[in-house]
Amino acid sequence: MEYRKLGNTGLEVSNICLGTMAFGRWIDEDASVEILHTAIENGINFIDTANFYGKGQDTSYPYGTGASEEIIGRALAGRRQDIVLATKVGLPMGRGRNESGLSRLHIMKEVDQSLLRLQTDYIDLYQVHRFDPDTPIEETLRALDDLVRQGKVRYIGCSNFAAYQLAKSHAISERMNLEKFISIQPRYNLLYREIEQELIPYSQEEGVGIIVYSPLARGLLTGKYTSPDDAPPESRAAHGEVNLQKLFVERNFKQVEAYSQLAKKYNQSLSEFALSWVFNQPGITSAIVGASKPYHVTDAIKASELTWTDELTKEVDRLHDFVYLP
């Protein structure tokens, strides 16, 4: 297992981060615990969750339940000190007012709820789930700074921010002498490389850790989906995963087929190929790998150890440009 510094900090995290969005949603507690322990036993020390995760099988339910955090809290009994634990705040947690967003009120309420569910007295990395245009970023940053000073949070990060939003946040933190976001969590995979334009260069320049999610494009880069109407019965697409179904466009299937052929050329499965590409991209600290079975974890570890060459990078870029550029 490879470990990397998270941004400009002394914190070391595994280059694979276990994603737990499936815990308490797609898989039950027993299956979740088995996956979590498999990850730890294989050297993964980085776990990502959110208060919103674990909504149950009813994908139309619009609010978070905290079920994923609860499962993790019980599973980490006696092992908490060995784990870098990351969670998030900001998505809707109920029907009432002030039950979402990044106001001081909501953050202060939700951090205490997350601590209770996780059965811990501190969170290693507390991340805002997405930018909140209805709350001044100064209010959000001051609340997060207070949490660090109180000892409830060790570091703060953001998720789904544009480069300019991250830069603006850093400027405000600098001016007001507040804690800075030390990491960002964007989407990144062979099909969606938009962060290469601004976010990766800015993060590298400023020493911000990049923790990417959806490295397999929600399963599209595993090869199990071959057309918009071809979803295996037990897949997330068949269960109505809206964000996955949005990826079912002709251009993506064309790209998946091209990458499948390139992976075969190098005697790799498509998922190994796609993950290995992400692990070897400049500036990437860690890739969040969601798992619903233990072998998803061990397969990701194997992919992280594959050799990647400059020539292979050029081949991938040629395929990408052929499909995406006019």
Protein backbone atom coordinates (compact mmCIF):
# COMPACT_ATOMS: atom_id res chain seq x y z
CA MET A 1 0.00 0.00 0.00
CA GLU A 2 1.27 3.46 -0.90
CA TYR A 3 0.82 6.37 1.51
CA ARG A 4 0.90 10.03 0.59
CA LYS A 5 0.85 13.33 2.47
CA LEU A 6 -2.55 14.99 2.36
CA GLY A 7 -1.84 18.41 0.94
CA ASN A 8 0.61 20.58 2.86
CA THR A 9 0.09 18.64 6.09
CA GLY A 10 1.99 15.94 7.90
CA LEU A 11 -1.00 13.61 7.65
CA GLU A 12 -0.33 10.40 5.71
CA VAL A 13 -3.19 8.62 3.98
CA SER A 14 -3.36 5.52 1.79
CA ASN A 15 -3.71 6.22 -1.92
CA ILE A 16 -6.92 4.20 -1.75
CA CYS A 17 -9.70 5.71 0.33
CA LEU A 18 -12.60 3.42 1.20
CA GLY A 19 -15.86 4.99 0.09
CA THR A 20 -18.87 4.04 2.20
CA MET A 21 -21.85 5.48 0.37
CA ALA A 22 -23.19 1.93 -0.05
CA PHE A 23 -23.14 1.22 3.71
CA GLY A 24 -26.69 1.04 5.03
CA ARG A 25 -28.05 1.72 1.57
CA TRP A 26 -27.05 -0.86 -1.02
CA ILE A 27 -25.61 -3.32 1.51
CA ASP A 28 -26.49 -4.21 5.10
CA GLU A 29 -24.36 -3.80 8.21
CA ASP A 30 -22.76 -7.26 8.17
CA ALA A 31 -21.59 -6.83 4.58
CA SER A 32 -20.39 -3.29 5.33
CA VAL A 33 -18.34 -4.38 8.33
CA GLU A 34 -16.71 -7.18 6.34
CA ILE A 35 -15.65 -4.69 3.66
CA LEU A 36 -14.36 -2.20 6.22
CA HIS A 37 -12.26 -4.81 8.00
CA THR A 38 -10.94 -6.13 4.68
CA ALA A 39 -9.78 -2.63 3.81
CA ILE A 40 -8.03 -2.08 7.15
CA GLU A 41 -6.36 -5.50 7.10
CA ASN A 42 -4.94 -4.69 3.67
CA GLY A 43 -3.38 -1.42 4.74
CA ILE A 44 -6.07 1.12 3.84
CA ASN A 45 -6.09 3.74 6.59
CA PHE A 46 -8.41 6.31 4.97
CA ILE A 47 -12.22 6.08 5.17
CA ASP A 48 -14.67 8.53 3.64
CA THR A 49 -18.31 8.88 4.59
CA ALA A 50 -20.96 11.59 5.06
CA ASN A 51 -23.86 12.31 7.37
CA PHE A 52 -26.09 12.02 4.30
CA TYR A 53 -25.07 8.46 3.38
CA GLY A 54 -27.11 5.38 4.17
CA LYS A 55 -30.61 6.33 3.08
CA GLY A 56 -31.90 2.81 2.65
CA GLN A 57 -33.14 1.15 -0.52
CA ASP A 58 -35.73 3.89 -1.15
CA THR A 59 -33.65 6.04 -3.48
CA SER A 60 -36.45 8.60 -3.71
CA TYR A 61 -35.99 9.50 -0.03
CA PRO A 62 -34.39 12.96 -0.24
CA TYR A 63 -32.81 13.20 3.23
CA GLY A 64 -29.82 11.66 4.93
CA THR A 65 -30.14 9.23 7.82
CA GLY A 66 -26.58 8.91 9.13
CA ALA A 67 -26.75 5.12 8.78
CA SER A 68 -23.33 4.85 7.14
CA GLU A 69 -21.70 6.78 9.99
CA GLU A 70 -23.45 4.61 12.56
CA ILE A 71 -22.19 1.40 10.93
CA ILE A 72 -18.64 2.76 10.76
CA GLY A 73 -18.75 3.88 14.39
CA ARG A 74 -19.68 0.41 15.59
CA ALA A 75 -17.22 -1.32 13.25
CA LEU A 76 -14.25 0.82 14.32
CA ALA A 77 -14.54 -0.01 18.02
CA GLY A 78 -10.98 -0.49 19.26
CA ARG A 79 -9.45 0.49 15.89
CA ARG A 80 -10.30 4.19 15.65
CA GLN A 81 -6.73 5.38 16.33
CA ASP A 82 -5.44 3.57 13.24
CA ILE A 83 -7.84 5.31 10.84
CA VAL A 84 -7.98 8.69 9.15
CA LEU A 85 -11.71 9.27 9.23
CA ALA A 86 -13.36 11.75 6.89
CA THR A 87 -17.01 12.76 6.81
CA LYS A 88 -19.06 15.56 5.27
CA VAL A 89 -21.77 18.08 6.05
CA GLY A 90 -24.15 20.16 3.96
CA LEU A 91 -26.72 17.92 2.24
CA PRO A 92 -30.33 17.80 3.54
CA MET A 93 -30.82 15.91 6.78
CA GLY A 94 -34.52 16.62 7.31
CA ARG A 95 -37.61 18.46 6.16
CA GLY A 96 -37.31 21.48 8.44
CA ARG A 97 -35.60 24.78 7.83
CA ASN A 98 -31.88 24.94 8.61
CA GLU A 99 -31.61 21.19 8.00
CA SER A 100 -29.13 21.61 5.15
CA GLY A 101 -26.48 23.95 3.84
CA LEU A 102 -23.37 25.41 5.42
CA SER A 103 -24.72 27.86 7.97
CA ARG A 104 -23.06 28.02 11.36
CA LEU A 105 -26.20 26.64 12.97
CA HIS A 106 -26.38 23.59 10.72
CA ILE A 107 -22.65 22.82 10.90
CA MET A 108 -22.53 23.02 14.69
CA LYS A 109 -25.57 20.77 15.01
CA GLU A 110 -24.43 18.20 12.49
CA VAL A 111 -20.85 17.83 13.70
CA ASP A 112 -22.12 16.75 17.10
CA GLN A 113 -24.52 14.29 15.49
CA SER A 114 -21.72 12.84 13.36
CA LEU A 115 -19.46 12.46 16.39
CA LEU A 116 -22.18 10.54 18.20
CA ARG A 117 -22.86 8.25 15.26
CA LEU A 118 -19.15 7.65 14.62
CA GLN A 119 -18.58 6.99 18.35
CA THR A 120 -15.55 9.25 18.43
CA ASP A 121 -14.62 12.60 19.95
CA TYR A 122 -12.85 13.93 16.86
CA ILE A 123 -13.11 13.84 13.07
CA ASP A 124 -9.83 13.78 11.17
CA LEU A 125 -11.12 15.49 8.02
CA TYR A 126 -14.41 17.39 8.07
CA GLN A 127 -15.55 18.31 4.57
CA VAL A 128 -18.28 20.55 3.26
CA HIS A 129 -20.23 18.42 0.80
CA ARG A 130 -20.78 21.10 -1.84
CA PHE A 131 -20.64 24.87 -2.22
CA ASP A 132 -23.56 26.69 -0.58
CA PRO A 133 -24.47 29.84 -2.54
CA ASP A 134 -26.98 30.88 0.15
CA THR A 135 -24.46 31.15 2.99
CA PRO A 136 -21.50 33.54 3.11
CA ILE A 137 -18.33 31.47 2.88
CA GLU A 138 -16.93 33.59 5.74
CA GLU A 139 -19.64 32.20 8.03
CA THR A 140 -18.85 28.64 7.00
CA LEU A 141 -15.10 29.03 7.41
CA ARG A 142 -15.38 30.67 10.82
CA ALA A 143 -17.62 27.84 12.05
CA LEU A 144 -15.16 25.24 10.77
CA ASP A 145 -12.25 27.13 12.31
CA ASP A 146 -14.04 27.04 15.67
CA LEU A 147 -14.47 23.27 15.38
CA VAL A 148 -10.72 22.85 14.87
CA ARG A 149 -9.99 25.06 17.87
CA GLN A 150 -12.47 23.07 19.96
CA GLY A 151 -10.70 19.82 19.05
CA LYS A 152 -13.74 18.28 17.37
CA VAL A 153 -12.08 18.43 13.96
CA ARG A 154 -8.41 18.03 12.97
CA TYR A 155 -8.49 19.30 9.37
CA ILE A 156 -11.10 20.78 7.03
CA GLY A 157 -11.74 20.05 3.38
CA CYS A 158 -14.26 20.73 0.65
CA SER A 159 -16.04 18.66 -1.96
CA ASN A 160 -17.46 19.56 -5.37
CA PHE A 161 -15.98 23.08 -5.39
CA ALA A 162 -14.89 24.78 -8.59
CA ALA A 163 -11.31 26.03 -8.67
CA TYR A 164 -12.39 29.65 -8.21
CA GLN A 165 -14.52 28.72 -5.18
CA LEU A 166 -11.57 26.98 -3.56
CA ALA A 167 -9.29 29.93 -4.37
CA LYS A 168 -11.81 32.39 -2.93
CA SER A 169 -12.10 30.29 0.24
CA HIS A 170 -8.33 30.23 0.65
CA ALA A 171 -8.09 34.01 0.22
CA ILE A 172 -10.75 34.56 2.90
CA SER A 173 -9.06 32.13 5.30
CA GLU A 174 -5.76 33.93 4.75
CA ARG A 175 -7.29 37.37 5.32
CA MET A 176 -9.26 36.33 8.42
CA ASN A 177 -6.56 34.02 9.85
CA LEU A 178 -8.84 30.99 9.69
CA GLU A 179 -8.16 27.32 8.98
CA LYS A 180 -7.81 26.56 5.27
CA PHE A 181 -9.28 23.75 3.25
CA ILE A 182 -6.40 21.29 3.00
CA SER A 183 -8.12 19.00 0.51
CA ILE A 184 -10.74 18.92 -2.19
CA GLN A 185 -12.91 16.04 -3.34
CA PRO A 186 -13.90 16.21 -7.03
CA ARG A 187 -15.18 13.70 -9.56
CA TYR A 188 -12.43 12.31 -11.77
CA ASN A 189 -12.22 9.35 -14.13
CA LEU A 190 -11.44 8.42 -17.72
CA LEU A 191 -14.80 9.78 -18.86
CA TYR A 192 -14.77 13.04 -16.90
CA ARG A 193 -11.45 14.87 -16.82
CA GLU A 194 -12.62 18.47 -16.46
CA ILE A 195 -10.61 19.05 -13.26
CA GLU A 196 -7.41 18.86 -15.29
CA GLN A 197 -8.09 22.35 -16.67
CA GLU A 198 -7.98 24.43 -13.48
CA LEU A 199 -8.56 22.47 -10.29
CA ILE A 200 -5.57 20.13 -10.47
CA PRO A 201 -3.07 22.88 -11.45
CA TYR A 202 -4.36 25.18 -8.69
CA SER A 203 -4.28 22.42 -6.08
CA GLN A 204 -0.75 21.41 -7.03
CA GLU A 205 0.41 25.02 -6.86
CA GLU A 206 -1.22 25.63 -3.47
CA GLY A 207 -0.50 22.24 -1.90
CA VAL A 208 -4.10 21.07 -1.68
CA GLY A 209 -4.71 17.33 -1.45
CA ILE A 210 -6.96 15.90 -4.16
CA ILE A 211 -9.20 13.02 -3.10
CA VAL A 212 -11.12 11.95 -6.18
CA TYR A 213 -14.44 10.15 -6.19
CA SER A 214 -16.15 8.02 -8.84
CA PRO A 215 -12.91 6.71 -10.40
CA LEU A 216 -15.00 4.02 -12.13
CA ALA A 217 -17.77 6.43 -13.18
CA ARG A 218 -20.29 4.78 -10.85
CA GLY A 219 -19.56 1.39 -12.40
CA LEU A 220 -19.70 2.43 -16.04
CA LEU A 221 -15.94 1.81 -16.31
CA THR A 222 -16.28 -1.77 -15.10
CA GLY A 223 -17.79 -2.83 -18.42
CA LYS A 224 -20.95 -4.28 -16.90
CA TYR A 225 -23.09 -1.71 -18.69
CA THR A 226 -22.94 -1.95 -22.48
CA SER A 227 -25.97 0.11 -23.48
CA PRO A 228 -28.59 2.38 -21.89
CA ASP A 229 -31.06 -0.53 -21.74
CA ASP A 230 -28.62 -3.16 -20.47
CA ALA A 231 -28.47 -2.99 -16.66
CA PRO A 232 -27.83 -6.18 -14.62
CA PRO A 233 -30.77 -6.89 -12.26
CA GLU A 234 -28.73 -6.34 -9.07
CA SER A 235 -26.92 -3.24 -10.31
CA ARG A 236 -27.36 0.28 -8.99
CA ALA A 237 -28.75 1.35 -12.36
CA ALA A 238 -31.48 -1.29 -12.13
CA HIS A 239 -32.35 0.02 -8.67
CA GLY A 240 -32.92 3.49 -10.08
CA GLU A 241 -29.63 5.25 -9.26
CA VAL A 242 -30.36 8.56 -10.99
CA ASN A 243 -26.78 9.86 -11.04
CA LEU A 244 -25.64 6.68 -12.76
CA GLN A 245 -28.41 6.76 -15.33
CA LYS A 246 -27.35 10.29 -16.27
CA LEU A 247 -24.08 8.81 -17.52
CA PHE A 248 -25.87 6.56 -19.99
CA VAL A 249 -25.16 8.59 -23.11
CA GLU A 250 -23.81 7.42 -26.45
CA ARG A 251 -20.50 9.25 -26.12
CA ASN A 252 -19.70 7.51 -22.84
CA PHE A 253 -20.48 4.04 -24.17
CA LYS A 254 -18.30 4.75 -27.19
CA GLN A 255 -15.45 5.76 -24.89
CA VAL A 256 -15.92 2.74 -22.62
CA GLU A 257 -15.64 0.40 -25.57
CA ALA A 258 -12.44 2.09 -26.73
CA TYR A 259 -10.87 1.82 -23.29
CA SER A 260 -11.98 -1.82 -23.03
CA GLN A 261 -10.01 -2.65 -26.13
CA LEU A 262 -6.95 -0.79 -24.87
CA ALA A 263 -7.14 -2.59 -21.51
CA LYS A 264 -7.25 -5.97 -23.29
CA LYS A 265 -4.14 -5.00 -25.22
CA TYR A 266 -2.31 -4.72 -21.89
CA ASN A 267 -3.96 -7.83 -20.37
CA GLN A 268 -5.96 -5.84 -17.86
CA SER A 269 -9.65 -5.73 -17.02
CA LEU A 270 -11.37 -2.43 -17.75
CA SER A 271 -11.81 -1.66 -14.04
CA GLU A 272 -8.12 -2.36 -13.33
CA PHE A 273 -7.14 -0.15 -16.23
CA ALA A 274 -9.42 2.71 -15.21
CA LEU A 275 -8.35 2.65 -11.57
CA SER A 276 -4.68 2.35 -12.40
CA TRP A 277 -4.94 5.41 -14.64
CA VAL A 278 -6.39 7.48 -11.79
CA PHE A 279 -3.80 6.32 -9.26
CA ASN A 280 -1.03 7.38 -11.63
CA GLN A 281 -2.28 10.85 -12.51
CA PRO A 282 -0.20 13.83 -11.27
CA GLY A 283 -1.55 15.61 -8.22
CA ILE A 284 -3.94 12.88 -7.08
CA THR A 285 -3.50 12.05 -3.40
CA SER A 286 -6.07 9.31 -3.04
CA ALA A 287 -8.94 7.75 -4.97
CA ILE A 288 -12.19 6.90 -3.23
CA VAL A 289 -13.16 3.34 -4.08
CA GLY A 290 -16.71 2.40 -3.22
CA ALA A 291 -17.23 -1.26 -2.43
CA SER A 292 -20.23 -3.53 -2.01
CA LYS A 293 -18.15 -6.73 -1.82
CA PRO A 294 -14.73 -7.44 -0.23
CA TYR A 295 -13.14 -8.31 -3.57
CA HIS A 296 -13.84 -4.78 -4.78
CA VAL A 297 -11.30 -3.65 -2.18
CA THR A 298 -8.65 -6.22 -3.00
CA ASP A 299 -9.09 -5.68 -6.74
CA ALA A 300 -8.54 -1.95 -6.25
CA ILE A 301 -5.35 -2.65 -4.34
CA LYS A 302 -4.06 -4.77 -7.21
CA ALA A 303 -4.90 -2.00 -9.67
CA SER A 304 -3.02 0.54 -7.56
CA GLU A 305 0.13 -1.55 -7.92
CA LEU A 306 0.05 -1.86 -11.72
CA THR A 307 2.87 -0.28 -13.69
CA TRP A 308 1.88 2.70 -15.81
CA THR A 309 4.02 4.04 -18.65
CA ASP A 310 4.27 7.35 -20.51
CA GLU A 311 3.34 5.59 -23.73
CA LEU A 312 0.15 4.23 -22.17
CA THR A 313 -0.71 7.72 -20.95
CA LYS A 314 -0.31 9.00 -24.52
CA GLU A 315 -2.57 6.24 -25.85
CA VAL A 316 -5.28 7.16 -23.34
CA ASP A 317 -5.00 10.83 -24.23
CA ARG A 318 -5.30 10.04 -27.94
CA LEU A 319 -8.50 8.08 -27.33
CA HIS A 320 -9.89 10.83 -25.12
CA ASP A 321 -9.15 13.53 -27.70
CA PHE A 322 -10.65 11.44 -30.52
CA VAL A 323 -13.99 11.18 -28.74
CA TYR A 324 -14.20 14.51 -26.92
CA LEU A 325 -12.50 17.10 -29.10
CA PRO A 326 -14.28 18.57 -32.16
